[in-house]
PDB file of N, CA and C in Angstrom:
ATOM      1  N   UNK A   1     -16.616 -21.497  10.577  1.00  0.00           N
ATOM      2  CA  UNK A   1     -15.065 -21.110   9.899  1.00  0.00           C
ATOM      3  C   UNK A   1     -14.772 -19.294  10.241  1.00  0.00           C
ATOM      4  N   UNK A   2     -15.801 -18.964  10.309  1.00  0.00           N
ATOM      5  CA  UNK A   2     -15.696 -17.213  10.754  1.00  0.00           C
ATOM      6  C   UNK A   2     -14.949 -17.162  12.199  1.00  0.00           C
ATOM      7  N   UNK A   3     -15.642 -17.934  13.198  1.00  0.00           N
ATOM      8  CA  UNK A   3     -15.382 -17.760  14.516  1.00  0.00           C
ATOM      9  C   UNK A   3     -13.739 -17.721  14.508  1.00  0.00           C
ATOM     10  N   UNK A   4     -13.480 -19.171  14.040  1.00  0.00           N
ATOM     11  CA  UNK A   4     -12.065 -19.831  13.685  1.00  0.00           C
ATOM     12  C   UNK A   4     -11.018 -18.733  13.453  1.00  0.00           C
ATOM     13  N   UNK A   5     -11.250 -17.962  12.231  1.00  0.00           N
ATOM     14  CA  UNK A   5     -10.578 -16.812  11.866  1.00  0.00           C
ATOM     15  C   UNK A   5     -10.563 -15.970  12.939  1.00  0.00           C
ATOM     16  N   UNK A   6     -11.711 -15.458  13.487  1.00  0.00           N
ATOM     17  CA  UNK A   6     -11.380 -14.628  14.626  1.00  0.00           C
ATOM     18  C   UNK A   6     -10.699 -14.615  15.709  1.00  0.00           C
ATOM     19  N   UNK A   7     -10.458 -16.220  16.026  1.00  0.00           N
ATOM     20  CA  UNK A   7      -9.751 -16.692  17.132  1.00  0.00           C
ATOM     21  C   UNK A   7      -8.244 -16.396  16.770  1.00  0.00           C
ATOM     22  N   UNK A   8      -7.682 -16.501  15.369  1.00  0.00           N
ATOM     23  CA  UNK A   8      -6.587 -16.430  14.696  1.00  0.00           C
ATOM     24  C   UNK A   8      -6.134 -14.691  14.710  1.00  0.00           C
ATOM     25  N   UNK A   9      -7.353 -13.823  14.794  1.00  0.00           N
ATOM     26  CA  UNK A   9      -6.989 -12.599  14.972  1.00  0.00           C
ATOM     27  C   UNK A   9      -6.617 -12.344  16.091  1.00  0.00           C
ATOM     28  N   UNK A  10      -7.244 -12.581  17.047  1.00  0.00           N
ATOM     29  CA  UNK A  10      -7.328 -12.518  18.428  1.00  0.00           C
ATOM     30  C   UNK A  10      -6.075 -13.009  19.056  1.00  0.00           C
ATOM     31  N   UNK A  11      -5.298 -14.492  18.847  1.00  0.00           N
ATOM     32  CA  UNK A  11      -4.088 -14.865  18.735  1.00  0.00           C
ATOM     33  C   UNK A  11      -2.953 -13.761  18.628  1.00  0.00           C
ATOM     34  N   UNK A  12      -3.576 -13.469  17.191  1.00  0.00           N
ATOM     35  CA  UNK A  12      -2.383 -12.456  16.602  1.00  0.00           C
ATOM     36  C   UNK A  12      -2.079 -10.844  17.505  1.00  0.00           C
ATOM     37  N   UNK A  13      -3.197 -10.658  17.912  1.00  0.00           N
ATOM     38  CA  UNK A  13      -3.313  -9.275  19.157  1.00  0.00           C
ATOM     39  C   UNK A  13      -2.665  -9.371  20.291  1.00  0.00           C
ATOM     40  N   UNK A  14      -2.970 -10.769  20.828  1.00  0.00           N
ATOM     41  CA  UNK A  14      -2.140 -11.012  21.976  1.00  0.00           C
ATOM     42  C   UNK A  14      -0.568 -11.173  21.795  1.00  0.00           C
ATOM     43  N   UNK A  15      -0.297 -12.045  20.674  1.00  0.00           N
ATOM     44  CA  UNK A  15       1.176 -12.017  20.531  1.00  0.00           C
ATOM     45  C   UNK A  15       1.809 -10.705  20.149  1.00  0.00           C
ATOM     46  N   UNK A  16       1.136  -9.789  19.461  1.00  0.00           N
ATOM     47  CA  UNK A  16       1.522  -8.480  19.273  1.00  0.00           C
ATOM     48  C   UNK A  16       1.819  -7.806  20.554  1.00  0.00           C
ATOM     49  N   UNK A  17       0.909  -7.598  21.260  1.00  0.00           N
ATOM     50  CA  UNK A  17       0.796  -7.146  22.709  1.00  0.00           C
ATOM     51  C   UNK A  17       1.839  -7.645  23.316  1.00  0.00           C
ATOM     52  N   UNK A  18       2.070  -8.908  23.395  1.00  0.00           N
ATOM     53  CA  UNK A  18       3.437  -9.488  24.259  1.00  0.00           C
ATOM     54  C   UNK A  18       4.800  -9.020  23.774  1.00  0.00           C
ATOM     55  N   UNK A  19       5.000  -8.978  22.336  1.00  0.00           N
ATOM     56  CA  UNK A  19       6.060  -8.488  21.591  1.00  0.00           C
ATOM     57  C   UNK A  19       6.551  -7.132  22.147  1.00  0.00           C
ATOM     58  N   UNK A  20       5.461  -6.215  22.459  1.00  0.00           N
ATOM     59  CA  UNK A  20       5.860  -4.876  22.740  1.00  0.00           C
ATOM     60  C   UNK A  20       6.363  -4.932  24.132  1.00  0.00           C
ATOM     61  N   UNK A  21       6.032  -5.735  24.862  1.00  0.00           N
ATOM     62  CA  UNK A  21       6.653  -5.814  26.167  1.00  0.00           C
ATOM     63  C   UNK A  21       8.148  -6.519  26.095  1.00  0.00           C
ATOM     64  N   UNK A  22       8.740  -7.082  25.235  1.00  0.00           N
ATOM     65  CA  UNK A  22       9.689  -7.561  25.093  1.00  0.00           C
ATOM     66  C   UNK A  22      11.022  -6.373  24.560  1.00  0.00           C
ATOM     67  N   UNK A  23      11.814  -6.027  25.615  1.00  0.00           N
ATOM     68  CA  UNK A  23      12.677  -4.951  25.539  1.00  0.00           C
ATOM     69  C   UNK A  23      13.812  -5.320  25.720  1.00  0.00           C
ATOM     70  N   UNK A  24      14.250  -5.991  26.510  1.00  0.00           N
ATOM     71  CA  UNK A  24      15.314  -6.505  27.224  1.00  0.00           C
ATOM     72  C   UNK A  24      16.180  -6.997  25.871  1.00  0.00           C
ATOM     73  N   UNK A  25      17.562  -7.008  25.968  1.00  0.00           N
ATOM     74  CA  UNK A  25      18.319  -7.558  24.924  1.00  0.00           C
ATOM     75  C   UNK A  25      18.133  -9.263  24.967  1.00  0.00           C
ATOM     76  N   UNK A  26      18.104  -9.777  26.077  1.00  0.00           N
ATOM     77  CA  UNK A  26      18.110 -11.098  26.137  1.00  0.00           C
ATOM     78  C   UNK A  26      16.799 -11.824  25.652  1.00  0.00           C
ATOM     79  N   UNK A  27      15.514 -10.913  25.558  1.00  0.00           N
ATOM     80  CA  UNK A  27      14.516 -11.013  25.033  1.00  0.00           C
ATOM     81  C   UNK A  27      14.205 -10.849  23.569  1.00  0.00           C
ATOM     82  N   UNK A  28      15.223 -10.675  22.827  1.00  0.00           N
ATOM     83  CA  UNK A  28      15.448 -10.261  21.511  1.00  0.00           C
ATOM     84  C   UNK A  28      15.076 -11.344  20.454  1.00  0.00           C
ATOM     85  N   UNK A  29      15.496 -12.273  21.363  1.00  0.00           N
ATOM     86  CA  UNK A  29      15.749 -13.632  20.397  1.00  0.00           C
ATOM     87  C   UNK A  29      14.036 -14.325  20.393  1.00  0.00           C
ATOM     88  N   UNK A  30      13.540 -14.180  21.430  1.00  0.00           N
ATOM     89  CA  UNK A  30      12.055 -14.830  21.753  1.00  0.00           C
ATOM     90  C   UNK A  30      11.103 -13.740  20.855  1.00  0.00           C
ATOM     91  N   UNK A  31      11.560 -12.304  21.007  1.00  0.00           N
ATOM     92  CA  UNK A  31      10.697 -11.674  19.853  1.00  0.00           C
ATOM     93  C   UNK A  31      10.620 -11.967  18.632  1.00  0.00           C
ATOM     94  N   UNK A  32      11.884 -12.052  18.144  1.00  0.00           N
ATOM     95  CA  UNK A  32      12.157 -12.457  16.695  1.00  0.00           C
ATOM     96  C   UNK A  32      11.305 -13.603  16.360  1.00  0.00           C
ATOM     97  N   UNK A  33      11.230 -14.949  17.247  1.00  0.00           N
ATOM     98  CA  UNK A  33      10.503 -15.867  16.981  1.00  0.00           C
ATOM     99  C   UNK A  33       9.185 -15.754  17.090  1.00  0.00           C
ATOM    100  N   UNK A  34       8.419 -15.015  17.595  1.00  0.00           N
ATOM    101  CA  UNK A  34       7.035 -14.821  18.243  1.00  0.00           C
ATOM    102  C   UNK A  34       6.977 -14.162  16.712  1.00  0.00           C
ATOM    103  N   UNK A  35       7.870 -13.036  16.283  1.00  0.00           N
ATOM    104  CA  UNK A  35       7.210 -12.466  15.016  1.00  0.00           C
ATOM    105  C   UNK A  35       7.296 -13.456  13.680  1.00  0.00           C
ATOM    106  N   UNK A  36       8.126 -14.253  13.786  1.00  0.00           N
ATOM    107  CA  UNK A  36       8.026 -15.393  12.954  1.00  0.00           C
ATOM    108  C   UNK A  36       6.709 -16.002  12.568  1.00  0.00           C
ATOM    109  N   UNK A  37       6.230 -16.382  13.986  1.00  0.00           N
ATOM    110  CA  UNK A  37       4.953 -17.175  14.187  1.00  0.00           C
ATOM    111  C   UNK A  37       4.035 -16.552  13.623  1.00  0.00           C
ATOM    112  N   UNK A  38       3.932 -15.017  13.921  1.00  0.00           N
ATOM    113  CA  UNK A  38       2.727 -14.018  13.572  1.00  0.00           C
ATOM    114  C   UNK A  38       2.927 -14.029  12.075  1.00  0.00           C
ATOM    115  N   UNK A  39       4.093 -14.031  11.453  1.00  0.00           N
ATOM    116  CA  UNK A  39       3.811 -14.056  10.211  1.00  0.00           C
ATOM    117  C   UNK A  39       3.475 -15.162   9.258  1.00  0.00           C
ATOM    118  N   UNK A  40       3.452 -16.475  10.130  1.00  0.00           N
ATOM    119  CA  UNK A  40       2.996 -17.629   9.627  1.00  0.00           C
ATOM    120  C   UNK A  40       1.439 -17.451   9.851  1.00  0.00           C
ATOM    121  N   UNK A  41       0.842 -17.260  10.778  1.00  0.00           N
ATOM    122  CA  UNK A  41      -0.517 -16.961  11.397  1.00  0.00           C
ATOM    123  C   UNK A  41      -1.301 -15.821  10.236  1.00  0.00           C
ATOM    124  N   UNK A  42      -0.294 -15.116   9.843  1.00  0.00           N
ATOM    125  CA  UNK A  42      -1.061 -14.093   8.425  1.00  0.00           C
ATOM    126  C   UNK A  42      -0.648 -14.576   7.343  1.00  0.00           C
ATOM    127  N   UNK A  43       0.072 -15.640   6.899  1.00  0.00           N
ATOM    128  CA  UNK A  43       0.251 -15.860   5.506  1.00  0.00           C
ATOM    129  C   UNK A  43      -1.154 -16.761   5.107  1.00  0.00           C
ATOM    130  N   UNK A  44      -1.064 -16.461   3.776  1.00  0.00           N
ATOM    131  CA  UNK A  44      -2.324 -16.835   2.933  1.00  0.00           C
ATOM    132  C   UNK A  44      -2.243 -18.577   2.951  1.00  0.00           C
ATOM    133  N   UNK A  45      -1.250 -19.011   2.880  1.00  0.00           N
ATOM    134  CA  UNK A  45      -0.750 -20.804   3.016  1.00  0.00           C
ATOM    135  C   UNK A  45      -1.789 -21.256   4.319  1.00  0.00           C
ATOM    136  N   UNK A  46      -1.015 -20.628   5.375  1.00  0.00           N
ATOM    137  CA  UNK A  46      -1.809 -20.900   6.949  1.00  0.00           C
ATOM    138  C   UNK A  46      -3.488 -20.836   7.002  1.00  0.00           C
ATOM    139  N   UNK A  47      -3.883 -19.444   6.287  1.00  0.00           N
ATOM    140  CA  UNK A  47      -5.302 -19.490   6.449  1.00  0.00           C
ATOM    141  C   UNK A  47      -5.966 -20.511   5.464  1.00  0.00           C
ATOM    142  N   UNK A  48      -5.215 -20.805   4.418  1.00  0.00           N
ATOM    143  CA  UNK A  48      -5.920 -22.096   3.830  1.00  0.00           C
ATOM    144  C   UNK A  48      -6.057 -23.122   4.260  1.00  0.00           C
ATOM    145  N   UNK A  49      -4.989 -23.683   4.901  1.00  0.00           N
ATOM    146  CA  UNK A  49      -4.670 -24.694   5.759  1.00  0.00           C
ATOM    147  C   UNK A  49      -5.851 -24.724   6.931  1.00  0.00           C
ATOM    148  N   UNK A  50      -5.830 -23.577   7.516  1.00  0.00           N
ATOM    149  CA  UNK A  50      -6.662 -23.526   8.628  1.00  0.00           C
ATOM    150  C   UNK A  50      -8.283 -23.656   8.375  1.00  0.00           C
ATOM    151  N   UNK A  51      -8.655 -23.192   7.067  1.00  0.00           N
ATOM    152  CA  UNK A  51      -9.719 -23.603   6.467  1.00  0.00           C
ATOM    153  C   UNK A  51     -10.253 -24.539   6.395  1.00  0.00           C
ATOM    154  N   UNK A  52      -9.142 -25.311   5.729  1.00  0.00           N
ATOM    155  CA  UNK A  52      -9.427 -26.916   5.485  1.00  0.00           C
ATOM    156  C   UNK A  52      -9.676 -27.560   6.328  1.00  0.00           C
ATOM    157  N   UNK A  53      -8.740 -27.807   7.520  1.00  0.00           N
ATOM    158  CA  UNK A  53      -8.825 -28.330   8.616  1.00  0.00           C
ATOM    159  C   UNK A  53      -9.930 -27.912   9.713  1.00  0.00           C
ATOM    160  N   UNK A  54     -10.411 -26.632   9.449  1.00  0.00           N
ATOM    161  CA  UNK A  54     -11.736 -26.365  10.512  1.00  0.00           C
ATOM    162  C   UNK A  54     -13.052 -27.057   9.885  1.00  0.00           C
ATOM    163  N   UNK A  55     -12.859 -26.978   8.258  1.00  0.00           N
ATOM    164  CA  UNK A  55     -14.152 -27.424   8.016  1.00  0.00           C
ATOM    165  C   UNK A  55     -14.096 -28.998   7.809  1.00  0.00           C
ATOM    166  N   UNK A  56     -13.349 -29.599   7.551  1.00  0.00           N
ATOM    167  CA  UNK A  56     -12.951 -31.157   8.118  1.00  0.00           C
ATOM    168  C   UNK A  56     -13.475 -31.613   9.574  1.00  0.00           C
ATOM    169  N   UNK A  57     -12.821 -30.920  10.457  1.00  0.00           N
ATOM    170  CA  UNK A  57     -12.651 -31.197  11.837  1.00  0.00           C
ATOM    171  C   UNK A  57     -14.410 -31.077  12.102  1.00  0.00           C
ATOM    172  N   UNK A  58     -14.960 -29.801  11.730  1.00  0.00           N
ATOM    173  CA  UNK A  58     -16.719 -29.483  12.186  1.00  0.00           C
ATOM    174  C   UNK A  58     -17.443 -30.442  11.401  1.00  0.00           C
ATOM    175  N   UNK A  59     -16.858 -31.064  10.459  1.00  0.00           N
ATOM    176  CA  UNK A  59     -18.158 -32.089   9.612  1.00  0.00           C
ATOM    177  C   UNK A  59     -17.976 -33.386  10.602  1.00  0.00           C
ATOM    178  N   UNK A  60     -16.493 -33.660  10.864  1.00  0.00           N
ATOM    179  CA  UNK A  60     -16.315 -34.831  11.576  1.00  0.00           C
ATOM    180  C   UNK A  60     -16.799 -34.695  13.133  1.00  0.00           C
ATOM    181  N   UNK A  61     -17.240 -33.953  13.504  1.00  0.00           N
ATOM    182  CA  UNK A  61     -17.438 -33.495  14.941  1.00  0.00           C
ATOM    183  C   UNK A  61     -15.863 -33.680  16.145  1.00  0.00           C
ATOM    184  N   UNK A  62     -14.746 -33.538  15.482  1.00  0.00           N
ATOM    185  CA  UNK A  62     -13.689 -33.521  16.294  1.00  0.00           C
ATOM    186  C   UNK A  62     -13.361 -32.508  17.086  1.00  0.00           C
ATOM    187  N   UNK A  63     -14.109 -31.106  16.470  1.00  0.00           N
ATOM    188  CA  UNK A  63     -13.757 -30.094  17.624  1.00  0.00           C
ATOM    189  C   UNK A  63     -15.168 -29.447  17.624  1.00  0.00           C
ATOM    190  N   UNK A  64     -15.139 -28.796  19.143  1.00  0.00           N
ATOM    191  CA  UNK A  64     -16.286 -28.432  19.309  1.00  0.00           C
ATOM    192  C   UNK A  64     -16.730 -26.983  19.684  1.00  0.00           C
ATOM    193  N   UNK A  65     -14.812 -26.628  19.971  1.00  0.00           N
ATOM    194  CA  UNK A  65     -14.965 -25.235  19.928  1.00  0.00           C
ATOM    195  C   UNK A  65     -13.420 -24.626  19.003  1.00  0.00           C
ATOM    196  N   UNK A  66     -14.039 -24.182  18.209  1.00  0.00           N
ATOM    197  CA  UNK A  66     -12.839 -23.474  17.323  1.00  0.00           C
ATOM    198  C   UNK A  66     -11.918 -22.465  17.700  1.00  0.00           C
ATOM    199  N   UNK A  67     -11.295 -22.609  18.695  1.00  0.00           N
ATOM    200  CA  UNK A  67     -10.219 -21.640  19.528  1.00  0.00           C
ATOM    201  C   UNK A  67      -8.881 -21.898  19.431  1.00  0.00           C
ATOM    202  N   UNK A  68      -8.363 -22.995  18.511  1.00  0.00           N
ATOM    203  CA  UNK A  68      -6.977 -23.599  18.572  1.00  0.00           C
ATOM    204  C   UNK A  68      -5.816 -22.366  18.708  1.00  0.00           C
ATOM    205  N   UNK A  69      -6.059 -21.494  17.712  1.00  0.00           N
ATOM    206  CA  UNK A  69      -4.935 -20.319  17.787  1.00  0.00           C
ATOM    207  C   UNK A  69      -4.832 -19.130  18.850  1.00  0.00           C
ATOM    208  N   UNK A  70      -6.179 -18.908  19.564  1.00  0.00           N
ATOM    209  CA  UNK A  70      -5.939 -18.266  20.883  1.00  0.00           C
ATOM    210  C   UNK A  70      -5.505 -19.066  22.005  1.00  0.00           C
ATOM    211  N   UNK A  71      -5.933 -20.255  21.934  1.00  0.00           N
ATOM    212  CA  UNK A  71      -5.587 -21.306  22.849  1.00  0.00           C
ATOM    213  C   UNK A  71      -3.965 -21.185  23.056  1.00  0.00           C
ATOM    214  N   UNK A  72      -3.624 -21.453  21.820  1.00  0.00           N
ATOM    215  CA  UNK A  72      -2.086 -21.716  21.848  1.00  0.00           C
ATOM    216  C   UNK A  72      -1.496 -20.372  22.531  1.00  0.00           C
ATOM    217  N   UNK A  73      -1.766 -19.230  21.718  1.00  0.00           N
ATOM    218  CA  UNK A  73      -1.275 -17.836  22.402  1.00  0.00           C
ATOM    219  C   UNK A  73      -1.408 -17.837  23.754  1.00  0.00           C
ATOM    220  N   UNK A  74      -2.455 -18.073  24.542  1.00  0.00           N
ATOM    221  CA  UNK A  74      -2.768 -17.939  25.878  1.00  0.00           C
ATOM    222  C   UNK A  74      -1.822 -19.000  26.543  1.00  0.00           C
ATOM    223  N   UNK A  75      -1.763 -19.953  25.971  1.00  0.00           N
ATOM    224  CA  UNK A  75      -0.815 -20.949  26.962  1.00  0.00           C
ATOM    225  C   UNK A  75       0.931 -20.303  26.608  1.00  0.00           C
ATOM    226  N   UNK A  76       1.125 -19.781  25.481  1.00  0.00           N
ATOM    227  CA  UNK A  76       2.352 -19.609  25.327  1.00  0.00           C
ATOM    228  C   UNK A  76       3.012 -18.293  25.992  1.00  0.00           C
ATOM    229  N   UNK A  77       1.527 -17.602  26.254  1.00  0.00           N
ATOM    230  CA  UNK A  77       1.990 -16.282  26.908  1.00  0.00           C
ATOM    231  C   UNK A  77       1.670 -16.147  28.518  1.00  0.00           C
ATOM    232  N   UNK A  78       1.013 -17.591  28.976  1.00  0.00           N
ATOM    233  CA  UNK A  78       0.738 -17.985  30.200  1.00  0.00           C
ATOM    234  C   UNK A  78      -0.362 -16.861  30.564  1.00  0.00           C
ATOM    235  N   UNK A  79      -1.507 -16.849  29.576  1.00  0.00           N
ATOM    236  CA  UNK A  79      -2.710 -15.881  30.225  1.00  0.00           C
ATOM    237  C   UNK A  79      -3.541 -16.726  30.789  1.00  0.00           C
ATOM    238  N   UNK A  80      -4.255 -16.160  31.538  1.00  0.00           N
ATOM    239  CA  UNK A  80      -5.625 -16.845  31.779  1.00  0.00           C
ATOM    240  C   UNK A  80      -6.603 -16.917  30.818  1.00  0.00           C
ATOM    241  N   UNK A  81      -7.336 -18.171  30.737  1.00  0.00           N
ATOM    242  CA  UNK A  81      -8.309 -18.272  29.680  1.00  0.00           C
ATOM    243  C   UNK A  81      -9.712 -17.860  30.215  1.00  0.00           C
ATOM    244  N   UNK A  82     -10.206 -16.832  30.175  1.00  0.00           N
ATOM    245  CA  UNK A  82     -11.680 -16.402  30.541  1.00  0.00           C
ATOM    246  C   UNK A  82     -12.694 -16.958  29.434  1.00  0.00           C
TER     247      UNK A  82
END
């Protein structure tokens, strides 16, 4: 669970860095949407649901690598996964 929460933090950092690069007027709608997603990631409800999902999925063996939030951020931003 701790690693999963760290990946959420990593996703937030990536999204924050990307937001800083969005300065053109036509990019402001995207910036607003990303900030909304960041707010959801930071919410206590999301964190509680994430913790519950991670515990259940780990018990069932349905996830082997707890990095969904970071993977989503990488895909959205088009970053290479290292």
